[in-house]
Amino acid sequence: MLQIQTTNLSPHQQQALHADFLADEQAYLKMRDVLLPQYRGQWVAVHGGKIVASGANLLEVMEKASAGGGHPFIALVGAEDAAVFRVRRTVFTYDLTYQPFPMPRVTATF
């Protein structure tokens, strides 16, 4: 069976994932072989064991999938290992005196 990137996460990172997302991932894995002929090379969003969105444009698929709520699993059918997303996160302090609303305080060197 195909391995998905969540299996490579540490236990701490896996615990941060929503149970519905993990269930949708497993549903995708079970239906992947059936999806290959029709959806190869397309993005699909699976939620509740069903495809809720599909298409060639990832952002459009994400928008359609998020409109239905929940935590859908999205994959590029037939090229799951080729699509790797890296997210970097940083934390900023905020200048609470800035008006009309607090702004992040960032130091930059050029």
Protein backbone atom coordinates (compact mmCIF):
# COMPACT_ATOMS: atom_id res chain seq x y z
CA MET A 1 0.00 0.00 0.00
CA LEU A 2 1.15 3.54 -0.78
CA GLN A 3 2.69 5.46 2.11
CA ILE A 4 1.63 9.06 2.67
CA GLN A 5 3.73 11.83 4.21
CA THR A 6 1.90 11.79 7.56
CA THR A 7 3.55 8.45 8.32
CA ASN A 8 6.90 10.27 8.29
CA LEU A 9 5.86 12.72 11.00
CA SER A 10 6.97 12.45 14.58
CA PRO A 11 4.37 11.19 17.08
CA HIS A 12 4.07 14.74 18.46
CA GLN A 13 3.32 16.12 14.98
CA GLN A 14 0.86 13.32 14.24
CA GLN A 15 -1.06 14.14 17.43
CA ALA A 16 -1.53 17.71 16.15
CA LEU A 17 -3.44 16.43 13.09
CA HIS A 18 -7.22 16.33 13.28
CA ALA A 19 -8.73 12.84 13.51
CA ASP A 20 -11.04 13.61 10.55
CA PHE A 21 -8.03 14.50 8.38
CA LEU A 22 -6.34 11.19 9.24
CA ALA A 23 -9.58 9.29 8.52
CA ASP A 24 -9.89 11.07 5.15
CA GLU A 25 -6.27 10.18 4.39
CA GLN A 26 -7.01 6.50 5.03
CA ALA A 27 -10.17 6.72 2.90
CA TYR A 28 -8.09 8.15 0.05
CA LEU A 29 -5.55 5.35 0.35
CA LYS A 30 -8.32 2.74 0.12
CA MET A 31 -9.90 4.32 -2.97
CA ARG A 32 -6.68 5.39 -4.75
CA ASP A 33 -6.52 2.46 -7.18
CA VAL A 34 -10.08 3.16 -8.32
CA LEU A 35 -9.29 6.89 -8.75
CA LEU A 36 -6.18 6.41 -10.90
CA PRO A 37 -7.89 5.86 -14.28
CA GLN A 38 -10.15 8.92 -14.00
CA TYR A 39 -8.16 11.35 -11.83
CA ARG A 40 -4.46 10.65 -12.55
CA GLY A 41 -2.54 13.94 -12.49
CA GLN A 42 -5.40 15.84 -10.85
CA TRP A 43 -5.81 17.09 -7.31
CA VAL A 44 -8.61 15.47 -5.34
CA ALA A 45 -10.05 16.34 -1.97
CA VAL A 46 -11.53 13.51 0.06
CA HIS A 47 -13.87 14.14 2.97
CA GLY A 48 -16.16 11.66 4.66
CA GLY A 49 -15.01 8.90 2.33
CA LYS A 50 -16.10 10.80 -0.80
CA ILE A 51 -14.44 13.08 -3.33
CA VAL A 52 -15.68 16.59 -2.57
CA ALA A 53 -13.52 18.44 -5.13
CA SER A 54 -11.16 17.66 -8.00
CA GLY A 55 -9.25 19.49 -10.69
CA ALA A 56 -5.89 20.52 -12.11
CA ASN A 57 -5.60 23.68 -10.01
CA LEU A 58 -4.65 23.01 -6.38
CA LEU A 59 -5.91 26.36 -5.09
CA GLU A 60 -9.34 25.88 -6.68
CA VAL A 61 -9.60 22.36 -5.23
CA MET A 62 -8.62 23.67 -1.79
CA GLU A 63 -11.20 26.45 -2.03
CA LYS A 64 -14.00 24.07 -3.04
CA ALA A 65 -13.01 21.55 -0.37
CA SER A 66 -12.82 24.14 2.41
CA ALA A 67 -16.26 25.52 1.50
CA GLY A 68 -17.79 22.28 2.78
CA GLY A 69 -16.01 22.52 6.14
CA GLY A 70 -14.24 19.72 7.90
CA HIS A 71 -10.65 18.59 7.41
CA PRO A 72 -10.42 17.07 3.91
CA PHE A 73 -7.35 15.21 2.70
CA ILE A 74 -5.97 16.56 -0.60
CA ALA A 75 -3.61 14.62 -2.87
CA LEU A 76 -2.23 14.68 -6.40
CA VAL A 77 -3.49 11.35 -7.74
CA GLY A 78 -0.70 9.15 -9.02
CA ALA A 79 2.05 11.52 -7.91
CA GLU A 80 1.53 11.68 -4.16
CA ASP A 81 5.26 11.44 -3.45
CA ALA A 82 6.08 14.24 -5.93
CA ALA A 83 3.99 16.85 -4.12
CA VAL A 84 5.88 17.96 -1.02
CA PHE A 85 4.93 21.07 0.91
CA ARG A 86 7.22 22.68 3.43
CA VAL A 87 5.76 25.19 5.83
CA ARG A 88 7.96 27.52 7.78
CA ARG A 89 6.64 29.29 10.80
CA THR A 90 7.97 32.20 12.74
CA VAL A 91 6.63 34.11 15.70
CA PHE A 92 6.70 37.90 15.88
CA THR A 93 6.30 40.29 18.75
CA TYR A 94 3.61 42.91 18.24
CA ASP A 95 3.84 46.65 18.69
CA LEU A 96 0.74 47.18 20.82
CA THR A 97 1.06 50.98 20.62
CA TYR A 98 0.61 51.07 16.84
CA GLN A 99 -2.79 52.45 15.84
CA PRO A 100 -5.40 51.57 14.63
CA PHE A 101 -4.37 47.97 15.44
CA PRO A 102 -1.24 46.16 16.67
CA MET A 103 1.33 45.35 13.99
CA PRO A 104 4.09 42.72 13.96
CA ARG A 105 7.51 44.08 14.80
CA VAL A 106 10.14 42.76 12.42
CA THR A 107 13.87 43.46 12.26
CA ALA A 108 15.33 43.21 8.79
CA THR A 109 18.90 43.53 7.58
CA PHE A 110 19.64 44.42 3.97
